[in-house]
PDB file of N, CA and C in Angstrom:
ATOM      1  N   MET A   1      -1.110  -6.713  28.852  1.00  0.00           N
ATOM      2  CA  MET A   1      -0.572  -7.364  27.223  1.00  0.00           C
ATOM      3  C   MET A   1      -0.040  -8.465  27.155  1.00  0.00           C
ATOM      4  N   SER A   2      -0.947  -9.610  27.597  1.00  0.00           N
ATOM      5  CA  SER A   2      -0.760 -10.702  27.667  1.00  0.00           C
ATOM      6  C   SER A   2      -0.572 -11.518  26.154  1.00  0.00           C
ATOM      7  N   LYS A   3      -1.424 -11.861  25.670  1.00  0.00           N
ATOM      8  CA  LYS A   3      -1.560 -12.377  23.910  1.00  0.00           C
ATOM      9  C   LYS A   3      -1.443 -11.520  22.655  1.00  0.00           C
ATOM     10  N   ALA A   4      -0.354 -12.244  21.785  1.00  0.00           N
ATOM     11  CA  ALA A   4       0.037 -10.826  20.958  1.00  0.00           C
ATOM     12  C   ALA A   4      -1.551 -10.641  19.948  1.00  0.00           C
ATOM     13  N   ARG A   5      -1.802  -9.475  19.165  1.00  0.00           N
ATOM     14  CA  ARG A   5      -3.460  -8.850  18.984  1.00  0.00           C
ATOM     15  C   ARG A   5      -2.868  -8.702  17.424  1.00  0.00           C
ATOM     16  N   GLU A   6      -3.269  -9.382  16.351  1.00  0.00           N
ATOM     17  CA  GLU A   6      -2.691  -8.639  15.189  1.00  0.00           C
ATOM     18  C   GLU A   6      -3.870  -7.368  14.557  1.00  0.00           C
ATOM     19  N   ILE A   7      -3.369  -7.041  14.296  1.00  0.00           N
ATOM     20  CA  ILE A   7      -4.184  -5.713  13.637  1.00  0.00           C
ATOM     21  C   ILE A   7      -5.105  -6.523  12.035  1.00  0.00           C
ATOM     22  N   VAL A   8      -5.889  -6.755  11.969  1.00  0.00           N
ATOM     23  CA  VAL A   8      -6.350  -7.262  10.688  1.00  0.00           C
ATOM     24  C   VAL A   8      -6.146  -6.935   9.602  1.00  0.00           C
ATOM     25  N   ASN A   9      -7.297  -5.578   9.628  1.00  0.00           N
ATOM     26  CA  ASN A   9      -6.874  -4.553   8.856  1.00  0.00           C
ATOM     27  C   ASN A   9      -7.005  -3.350   8.938  1.00  0.00           C
ATOM     28  N   MET A  10      -5.692  -2.769   7.700  1.00  0.00           N
ATOM     29  CA  MET A  10      -4.421  -1.469   8.373  1.00  0.00           C
ATOM     30  C   MET A  10      -5.169  -0.602   6.925  1.00  0.00           C
ATOM     31  N   GLN A  11      -5.114   0.446   6.730  1.00  0.00           N
ATOM     32  CA  GLN A  11      -5.314   1.870   5.748  1.00  0.00           C
ATOM     33  C   GLN A  11      -4.349   2.723   6.084  1.00  0.00           C
ATOM     34  N   LEU A  12      -3.845   2.666   4.986  1.00  0.00           N
ATOM     35  CA  LEU A  12      -2.294   3.727   5.268  1.00  0.00           C
ATOM     36  C   LEU A  12      -2.529   4.214   4.044  1.00  0.00           C
ATOM     37  N   SER A  13      -2.540   5.932   4.233  1.00  0.00           N
ATOM     38  CA  SER A  13      -2.867   6.556   2.855  1.00  0.00           C
ATOM     39  C   SER A  13      -1.492   7.854   3.112  1.00  0.00           C
ATOM     40  N   LEU A  14      -0.838   8.263   1.906  1.00  0.00           N
ATOM     41  CA  LEU A  14      -0.058   9.479   1.928  1.00  0.00           C
ATOM     42  C   LEU A  14      -0.771  10.408   0.970  1.00  0.00           C
ATOM     43  N   ALA A  15      -0.322  11.474   1.557  1.00  0.00           N
ATOM     44  CA  ALA A  15      -0.814  12.584   0.808  1.00  0.00           C
ATOM     45  C   ALA A  15       0.843  12.881  -0.662  1.00  0.00           C
ATOM     46  N   ARG A  16       0.546  13.362  -1.745  1.00  0.00           N
ATOM     47  CA  ARG A  16       1.543  13.540  -2.022  1.00  0.00           C
ATOM     48  C   ARG A  16       2.686  14.102  -1.780  1.00  0.00           C
ATOM     49  N   ARG A  17       4.245  13.581  -2.059  1.00  0.00           N
ATOM     50  CA  ARG A  17       5.315  14.196  -1.974  1.00  0.00           C
ATOM     51  C   ARG A  17       5.870  13.198  -0.417  1.00  0.00           C
ATOM     52  N   VAL A  18       4.937  12.396  -0.051  1.00  0.00           N
ATOM     53  CA  VAL A  18       4.694  11.181   0.929  1.00  0.00           C
ATOM     54  C   VAL A  18       6.281  10.401   0.662  1.00  0.00           C
ATOM     55  N   PRO A  19       6.718   9.596   0.861  1.00  0.00           N
ATOM     56  CA  PRO A  19       8.059   8.715   0.084  1.00  0.00           C
ATOM     57  C   PRO A  19       6.892   7.963   0.480  1.00  0.00           C
ATOM     58  N   GLU A  20       7.127   6.714  -0.075  1.00  0.00           N
ATOM     59  CA  GLU A  20       6.502   5.090  -0.847  1.00  0.00           C
ATOM     60  C   GLU A  20       7.370   4.563   0.212  1.00  0.00           C
ATOM     61  N   ALA A  21       8.352   4.493   1.027  1.00  0.00           N
ATOM     62  CA  ALA A  21       9.033   3.826   2.021  1.00  0.00           C
ATOM     63  C   ALA A  21       8.264   4.214   3.445  1.00  0.00           C
ATOM     64  N   ALA A  22       7.461   5.541   3.640  1.00  0.00           N
ATOM     65  CA  ALA A  22       6.348   5.651   4.626  1.00  0.00           C
ATOM     66  C   ALA A  22       5.382   4.683   4.943  1.00  0.00           C
ATOM     67  N   ARG A  23       4.743   4.360   4.041  1.00  0.00           N
ATOM     68  CA  ARG A  23       3.779   3.383   4.232  1.00  0.00           C
ATOM     69  C   ARG A  23       4.251   2.176   4.457  1.00  0.00           C
ATOM     70  N   GLU A  24       5.428   1.283   4.092  1.00  0.00           N
ATOM     71  CA  GLU A  24       5.802   0.505   4.614  1.00  0.00           C
ATOM     72  C   GLU A  24       6.581   0.508   6.280  1.00  0.00           C
ATOM     73  N   TYR A  25       7.113   1.605   6.387  1.00  0.00           N
ATOM     74  CA  TYR A  25       7.230   2.010   7.606  1.00  0.00           C
ATOM     75  C   TYR A  25       6.167   2.008   8.873  1.00  0.00           C
ATOM     76  N   ALA A  26       5.259   2.803   8.286  1.00  0.00           N
ATOM     77  CA  ALA A  26       4.095   3.094   9.286  1.00  0.00           C
ATOM     78  C   ALA A  26       3.453   1.686   9.514  1.00  0.00           C
ATOM     79  N   GLY A  27       3.224   1.101   8.207  1.00  0.00           N
ATOM     80  CA  GLY A  27       2.602  -0.613   8.819  1.00  0.00           C
ATOM     81  C   GLY A  27       2.968  -1.364   9.553  1.00  0.00           C
ATOM     82  N   VAL A  28       4.562  -1.658   9.677  1.00  0.00           N
ATOM     83  CA  VAL A  28       5.053  -2.138  10.595  1.00  0.00           C
ATOM     84  C   VAL A  28       5.129  -1.784  12.249  1.00  0.00           C
ATOM     85  N   LYS A  29       5.414  -0.625  11.990  1.00  0.00           N
ATOM     86  CA  LYS A  29       4.896   0.507  13.245  1.00  0.00           C
ATOM     87  C   LYS A  29       3.986   0.604  13.997  1.00  0.00           C
ATOM     88  N   ILE A  30       2.738   0.772  13.164  1.00  0.00           N
ATOM     89  CA  ILE A  30       1.509   0.670  13.897  1.00  0.00           C
ATOM     90  C   ILE A  30       0.885  -1.026  13.759  1.00  0.00           C
ATOM     91  N   GLY A  31       1.563  -1.517  13.335  1.00  0.00           N
ATOM     92  CA  GLY A  31       1.069  -2.736  12.993  1.00  0.00           C
ATOM     93  C   GLY A  31       0.922  -3.759  14.206  1.00  0.00           C
ATOM     94  N   CYS A  32       2.210  -3.145  15.042  1.00  0.00           N
ATOM     95  CA  CYS A  32       2.702  -4.199  16.761  1.00  0.00           C
ATOM     96  C   CYS A  32       2.076  -3.654  17.062  1.00  0.00           C
ATOM     97  N   LEU A  33       1.665  -2.347  17.201  1.00  0.00           N
ATOM     98  CA  LEU A  33       0.414  -2.181  18.516  1.00  0.00           C
ATOM     99  C   LEU A  33      -0.717  -2.419  18.901  1.00  0.00           C
ATOM    100  N   GLY A  34      -1.020  -3.562  18.119  1.00  0.00           N
ATOM    101  CA  GLY A  34      -2.192  -4.703  18.768  1.00  0.00           C
ATOM    102  C   GLY A  34      -1.607  -5.213  19.830  1.00  0.00           C
ATOM    103  N   LYS A  35      -0.568  -5.497  20.275  1.00  0.00           N
ATOM    104  CA  LYS A  35      -0.102  -6.750  21.145  1.00  0.00           C
ATOM    105  C   LYS A  35      -0.494  -5.511  22.864  1.00  0.00           C
ATOM    106  N   TYR A  36      -0.599  -4.339  22.623  1.00  0.00           N
ATOM    107  CA  TYR A  36      -1.168  -3.560  23.677  1.00  0.00           C
ATOM    108  C   TYR A  36      -2.351  -3.563  23.634  1.00  0.00           C
ATOM    109  N   ALA A  37      -3.439  -3.737  22.948  1.00  0.00           N
ATOM    110  CA  ALA A  37      -4.602  -3.122  22.919  1.00  0.00           C
ATOM    111  C   ALA A  37      -5.189  -4.546  24.131  1.00  0.00           C
ATOM    112  N   PRO A  38      -6.352  -3.559  24.717  1.00  0.00           N
ATOM    113  CA  PRO A  38      -7.163  -5.072  25.805  1.00  0.00           C
ATOM    114  C   PRO A  38      -8.305  -5.776  24.867  1.00  0.00           C
ATOM    115  N   GLY A  39      -8.188  -5.793  23.690  1.00  0.00           N
ATOM    116  CA  GLY A  39      -9.173  -5.962  22.763  1.00  0.00           C
ATOM    117  C   GLY A  39      -8.795  -6.540  20.837  1.00  0.00           C
ATOM    118  N   GLU A  40     -10.054  -7.159  20.506  1.00  0.00           N
ATOM    119  CA  GLU A  40      -9.319  -6.810  18.630  1.00  0.00           C
ATOM    120  C   GLU A  40      -9.121  -6.108  18.870  1.00  0.00           C
ATOM    121  N   VAL A  41      -7.978  -5.512  17.588  1.00  0.00           N
ATOM    122  CA  VAL A  41      -8.010  -4.753  16.451  1.00  0.00           C
ATOM    123  C   VAL A  41      -8.329  -4.699  15.437  1.00  0.00           C
ATOM    124  N   PRO A  42      -9.932  -4.764  14.536  1.00  0.00           N
ATOM    125  CA  PRO A  42     -10.338  -5.046  13.486  1.00  0.00           C
ATOM    126  C   PRO A  42      -9.778  -3.634  12.527  1.00  0.00           C
ATOM    127  N   PHE A  43      -9.620  -2.822  13.011  1.00  0.00           N
ATOM    128  CA  PHE A  43      -8.931  -1.864  11.847  1.00  0.00           C
ATOM    129  C   PHE A  43      -8.512  -0.740  12.347  1.00  0.00           C
ATOM    130  N   ALA A  44      -7.492  -0.575  11.397  1.00  0.00           N
ATOM    131  CA  ALA A  44      -6.668   0.560  12.186  1.00  0.00           C
ATOM    132  C   ALA A  44      -6.330   1.675  10.568  1.00  0.00           C
ATOM    133  N   MET A  45      -6.403   3.040  10.689  1.00  0.00           N
ATOM    134  CA  MET A  45      -6.009   3.994   9.553  1.00  0.00           C
ATOM    135  C   MET A  45      -4.753   4.870   9.821  1.00  0.00           C
ATOM    136  N   VAL A  46      -4.239   4.820   9.063  1.00  0.00           N
ATOM    137  CA  VAL A  46      -3.212   6.007   9.729  1.00  0.00           C
ATOM    138  C   VAL A  46      -3.157   6.714   8.146  1.00  0.00           C
ATOM    139  N   ARG A  47      -2.747   8.288   8.417  1.00  0.00           N
ATOM    140  CA  ARG A  47      -2.701   9.296   7.257  1.00  0.00           C
ATOM    141  C   ARG A  47      -1.564  10.032   6.954  1.00  0.00           C
ATOM    142  N   LEU A  48      -0.574   9.752   6.519  1.00  0.00           N
ATOM    143  CA  LEU A  48       0.131  11.041   6.538  1.00  0.00           C
ATOM    144  C   LEU A  48       0.685  12.002   5.242  1.00  0.00           C
ATOM    145  N   SER A  49       0.450  13.536   5.495  1.00  0.00           N
ATOM    146  CA  SER A  49       0.742  14.747   5.066  1.00  0.00           C
ATOM    147  C   SER A  49       1.515  15.417   5.446  1.00  0.00           C
ATOM    148  N   TYR A  50       1.691  16.419   4.127  1.00  0.00           N
ATOM    149  CA  TYR A  50       2.499  17.883   5.007  1.00  0.00           C
ATOM    150  C   TYR A  50       1.339  18.820   5.507  1.00  0.00           C
ATOM    151  N   ASP A  51       2.188  19.526   6.279  1.00  0.00           N
ATOM    152  CA  ASP A  51       1.173  20.854   7.087  1.00  0.00           C
ATOM    153  C   ASP A  51       2.299  21.854   6.249  1.00  0.00           C
ATOM    154  N   GLY A  52       2.293  22.563   5.398  1.00  0.00           N
ATOM    155  CA  GLY A  52       3.684  23.469   5.000  1.00  0.00           C
ATOM    156  C   GLY A  52       4.308  22.540   4.606  1.00  0.00           C
ATOM    157  N   PRO A  53       5.734  23.615   3.780  1.00  0.00           N
ATOM    158  CA  PRO A  53       6.549  22.868   3.225  1.00  0.00           C
ATOM    159  C   PRO A  53       7.462  21.519   3.689  1.00  0.00           C
ATOM    160  N   ARG A  54       8.028  21.755   4.722  1.00  0.00           N
ATOM    161  CA  ARG A  54       8.460  20.820   5.045  1.00  0.00           C
ATOM    162  C   ARG A  54       8.572  19.703   6.881  1.00  0.00           C
ATOM    163  N   ARG A  55       7.214  20.172   7.416  1.00  0.00           N
ATOM    164  CA  ARG A  55       6.780  19.373   8.327  1.00  0.00           C
ATOM    165  C   ARG A  55       5.395  18.338   7.988  1.00  0.00           C
ATOM    166  N   LEU A  56       5.672  17.105   7.973  1.00  0.00           N
ATOM    167  CA  LEU A  56       4.980  16.046   8.034  1.00  0.00           C
ATOM    168  C   LEU A  56       3.837  16.164   9.023  1.00  0.00           C
ATOM    169  N   VAL A  57       2.395  15.336   8.804  1.00  0.00           N
ATOM    170  CA  VAL A  57       1.739  15.137   9.846  1.00  0.00           C
ATOM    171  C   VAL A  57       0.881  13.667   9.614  1.00  0.00           C
ATOM    172  N   ALA A  58       0.287  13.706  10.638  1.00  0.00           N
ATOM    173  CA  ALA A  58       0.182  11.847  10.827  1.00  0.00           C
ATOM    174  C   ALA A  58      -1.066  11.680  11.517  1.00  0.00           C
ATOM    175  N   HIS A  59      -2.067  11.217  11.556  1.00  0.00           N
ATOM    176  CA  HIS A  59      -3.063  10.986  12.262  1.00  0.00           C
ATOM    177  C   HIS A  59      -3.469   9.491  12.312  1.00  0.00           C
ATOM    178  N   GLY A  60      -3.994   9.254  13.563  1.00  0.00           N
ATOM    179  CA  GLY A  60      -4.264   7.031  13.308  1.00  0.00           C
ATOM    180  C   GLY A  60      -5.194   7.657  13.993  1.00  0.00           C
ATOM    181  N   THR A  61      -5.985   6.071  13.555  1.00  0.00           N
ATOM    182  CA  THR A  61      -7.081   5.605  13.880  1.00  0.00           C
ATOM    183  C   THR A  61      -7.104   3.836  14.493  1.00  0.00           C
ATOM    184  N   LEU A  62      -7.119   3.965  15.698  1.00  0.00           N
ATOM    185  CA  LEU A  62      -6.874   2.402  15.504  1.00  0.00           C
ATOM    186  C   LEU A  62      -8.699   1.929  16.339  1.00  0.00           C
ATOM    187  N   HIS A  63      -9.516   1.124  15.994  1.00  0.00           N
ATOM    188  CA  HIS A  63     -10.668   0.849  16.344  1.00  0.00           C
ATOM    189  C   HIS A  63     -10.633  -0.561  17.341  1.00  0.00           C
ATOM    190  N   VAL A  64     -10.590  -0.039  18.769  1.00  0.00           N
ATOM    191  CA  VAL A  64     -10.339  -1.548  19.787  1.00  0.00           C
ATOM    192  C   VAL A  64     -11.574  -1.629  20.390  1.00  0.00           C
ATOM    193  N   ASP A  65     -12.288  -3.114  20.429  1.00  0.00           N
ATOM    194  CA  ASP A  65     -13.556  -3.134  20.903  1.00  0.00           C
ATOM    195  C   ASP A  65     -14.852  -2.097  20.683  1.00  0.00           C
ATOM    196  N   GLY A  66     -14.752  -2.051  19.425  1.00  0.00           N
ATOM    197  CA  GLY A  66     -16.324  -0.741  19.319  1.00  0.00           C
ATOM    198  C   GLY A  66     -15.891   0.542  19.334  1.00  0.00           C
ATOM    199  N   HIS A  67     -14.288   1.074  20.258  1.00  0.00           N
ATOM    200  CA  HIS A  67     -14.032   1.903  20.711  1.00  0.00           C
ATOM    201  C   HIS A  67     -12.476   2.760  19.519  1.00  0.00           C
ATOM    202  N   ALA A  68     -12.704   4.595  19.086  1.00  0.00           N
ATOM    203  CA  ALA A  68     -12.163   4.500  18.130  1.00  0.00           C
ATOM    204  C   ALA A  68     -11.005   5.269  18.858  1.00  0.00           C
ATOM    205  N   VAL A  69      -9.874   5.111  19.099  1.00  0.00           N
ATOM    206  CA  VAL A  69      -8.333   5.554  20.272  1.00  0.00           C
ATOM    207  C   VAL A  69      -7.478   5.933  18.610  1.00  0.00           C
ATOM    208  N   ASN A  70      -7.581   7.454  19.094  1.00  0.00           N
ATOM    209  CA  ASN A  70      -7.284   8.586  17.614  1.00  0.00           C
ATOM    210  C   ASN A  70      -5.971   9.140  18.524  1.00  0.00           C
ATOM    211  N   ALA A  71      -4.731   9.307  17.555  1.00  0.00           N
ATOM    212  CA  ALA A  71      -3.472  10.629  17.856  1.00  0.00           C
ATOM    213  C   ALA A  71      -3.091  11.323  17.189  1.00  0.00           C
ATOM    214  N   ASP A  72      -2.634  12.457  17.038  1.00  0.00           N
ATOM    215  CA  ASP A  72      -1.916  13.262  15.844  1.00  0.00           C
ATOM    216  C   ASP A  72      -0.399  13.396  16.154  1.00  0.00           C
ATOM    217  N   ALA A  73       0.367  13.224  15.293  1.00  0.00           N
ATOM    218  CA  ALA A  73       1.670  14.039  15.635  1.00  0.00           C
ATOM    219  C   ALA A  73       1.925  14.758  15.016  1.00  0.00           C
ATOM    220  N   GLY A  74       2.893  15.922  14.980  1.00  0.00           N
ATOM    221  CA  GLY A  74       4.049  16.207  14.094  1.00  0.00           C
ATOM    222  C   GLY A  74       5.456  16.242  13.866  1.00  0.00           C
ATOM    223  N   ALA A  75       6.183  16.062  12.868  1.00  0.00           N
ATOM    224  CA  ALA A  75       8.070  16.527  12.598  1.00  0.00           C
ATOM    225  C   ALA A  75       8.598  16.785  11.274  1.00  0.00           C
ATOM    226  N   GLU A  76       9.699  16.633  10.723  1.00  0.00           N
ATOM    227  CA  GLU A  76       9.803  17.191  10.191  1.00  0.00           C
ATOM    228  C   GLU A  76      10.215  16.099   8.877  1.00  0.00           C
ATOM    229  N   THR A  77      10.227  14.588   9.800  1.00  0.00           N
ATOM    230  CA  THR A  77      10.519  13.302   8.929  1.00  0.00           C
ATOM    231  C   THR A  77       9.578  12.456   9.378  1.00  0.00           C
ATOM    232  N   PHE A  78       9.508  11.623   7.934  1.00  0.00           N
ATOM    233  CA  PHE A  78       7.996  10.719   8.637  1.00  0.00           C
ATOM    234  C   PHE A  78       8.862   9.647   9.089  1.00  0.00           C
ATOM    235  N   ILE A  79       9.974   9.828   9.267  1.00  0.00           N
ATOM    236  CA  ILE A  79      10.267   8.137  10.665  1.00  0.00           C
ATOM    237  C   ILE A  79       9.996   8.763  12.008  1.00  0.00           C
ATOM    238  N   GLU A  80      10.294  10.367  12.028  1.00  0.00           N
ATOM    239  CA  GLU A  80      10.312  11.040  13.461  1.00  0.00           C
ATOM    240  C   GLU A  80       8.556  11.009  13.719  1.00  0.00           C
ATOM    241  N   VAL A  81       7.885  11.442  12.451  1.00  0.00           N
ATOM    242  CA  VAL A  81       6.829  11.585  13.042  1.00  0.00           C
ATOM    243  C   VAL A  81       5.275  10.106  13.399  1.00  0.00           C
ATOM    244  N   VAL A  82       6.104   8.724  12.381  1.00  0.00           N
ATOM    245  CA  VAL A  82       5.104   8.010  12.290  1.00  0.00           C
ATOM    246  C   VAL A  82       5.790   7.504  13.953  1.00  0.00           C
ATOM    247  N   ASP A  83       7.109   7.367  14.615  1.00  0.00           N
ATOM    248  CA  ASP A  83       7.675   7.203  15.913  1.00  0.00           C
ATOM    249  C   ASP A  83       6.578   7.703  17.230  1.00  0.00           C
ATOM    250  N   LEU A  84       6.813   9.100  16.672  1.00  0.00           N
ATOM    251  CA  LEU A  84       5.694   9.711  17.355  1.00  0.00           C
ATOM    252  C   LEU A  84       4.376   9.758  17.981  1.00  0.00           C
ATOM    253  N   LEU A  85       4.135   9.018  16.274  1.00  0.00           N
ATOM    254  CA  LEU A  85       2.477   8.891  16.086  1.00  0.00           C
ATOM    255  C   LEU A  85       1.911   7.550  17.063  1.00  0.00           C
ATOM    256  N   GLN A  86       3.318   6.069  16.850  1.00  0.00           N
ATOM    257  CA  GLN A  86       2.743   5.156  17.494  1.00  0.00           C
ATOM    258  C   GLN A  86       3.194   5.082  19.106  1.00  0.00           C
ATOM    259  N   ASP A  87       3.828   6.026  19.679  1.00  0.00           N
ATOM    260  CA  ASP A  87       3.986   6.403  20.613  1.00  0.00           C
ATOM    261  C   ASP A  87       2.777   6.772  21.799  1.00  0.00           C
ATOM    262  N   ARG A  88       2.164   7.756  20.837  1.00  0.00           N
ATOM    263  CA  ARG A  88       0.626   8.614  21.128  1.00  0.00           C
ATOM    264  C   ARG A  88      -0.020   7.722  21.423  1.00  0.00           C
ATOM    265  N   LEU A  89      -0.241   6.204  20.318  1.00  0.00           N
ATOM    266  CA  LEU A  89      -1.026   5.472  20.525  1.00  0.00           C
ATOM    267  C   LEU A  89      -1.397   4.174  21.545  1.00  0.00           C
ATOM    268  N   LYS A  90       0.224   3.933  21.432  1.00  0.00           N
ATOM    269  CA  LYS A  90       0.317   3.358  22.418  1.00  0.00           C
ATOM    270  C   LYS A  90       0.735   3.095  23.862  1.00  0.00           C
ATOM    271  N   ALA A  91       0.772   4.916  24.100  1.00  0.00           N
ATOM    272  CA  ALA A  91       0.269   5.416  25.722  1.00  0.00           C
ATOM    273  C   ALA A  91      -1.069   5.344  25.970  1.00  0.00           C
ATOM    274  N   GLN A  92      -1.835   5.634  25.169  1.00  0.00           N
ATOM    275  CA  GLN A  92      -3.623   5.155  25.230  1.00  0.00           C
ATOM    276  C   GLN A  92      -4.226   3.999  25.099  1.00  0.00           C
ATOM    277  N   LEU A  93      -3.605   3.015  24.788  1.00  0.00           N
ATOM    278  CA  LEU A  93      -3.570   1.471  24.265  1.00  0.00           C
ATOM    279  C   LEU A  93      -3.435   0.902  26.378  1.00  0.00           C
ATOM    280  N   VAL A  94      -2.174   1.858  26.190  1.00  0.00           N
ATOM    281  CA  VAL A  94      -2.047   0.979  27.292  1.00  0.00           C
ATOM    282  C   VAL A  94      -2.825   1.440  28.873  1.00  0.00           C
ATOM    283  N   LYS A  95      -2.976   2.381  28.428  1.00  0.00           N
ATOM    284  CA  LYS A  95      -4.107   3.293  29.792  1.00  0.00           C
ATOM    285  C   LYS A  95      -5.088   2.491  29.899  1.00  0.00           C
ATOM    286  N   MET A  96      -6.049   1.980  28.383  1.00  0.00           N
ATOM    287  CA  MET A  96      -7.179   1.167  28.284  1.00  0.00           C
ATOM    288  C   MET A  96      -6.831   0.230  29.126  1.00  0.00           C
ATOM    289  N   HIS A  97      -5.318  -0.360  29.066  1.00  0.00           N
ATOM    290  CA  HIS A  97      -5.286  -1.683  29.185  1.00  0.00           C
ATOM    291  C   HIS A  97      -6.132  -2.245  30.410  1.00  0.00           C
ATOM    292  N   GLY A  98      -5.393  -0.728  31.644  1.00  0.00           N
ATOM    293  CA  GLY A  98      -5.347  -0.680  33.219  1.00  0.00           C
ATOM    294  C   GLY A  98      -4.328  -1.221  33.518  1.00  0.00           C
TER     295      GLY A  98
END
């Protein structure tokens, strides 16, 4: 976790009814994960949607040195689901870093 790496390009997609504030929150939380990557992160994708009337789900993919790092999470609020997604992606990046 030496030098800070920036995620150059991030695509955030929201399903209907997911608040627009979720886009900004996810951008900040997932955007800071580059510093844990063992290499460049030229692209990241985050998708927030609903699985039922009240349960949010999130899927994230980070492209790190040609490898896809994927994680999924589910929770009742967009803050919880994004935080869980961030934790799961970070754990994989730290494991990759050795």
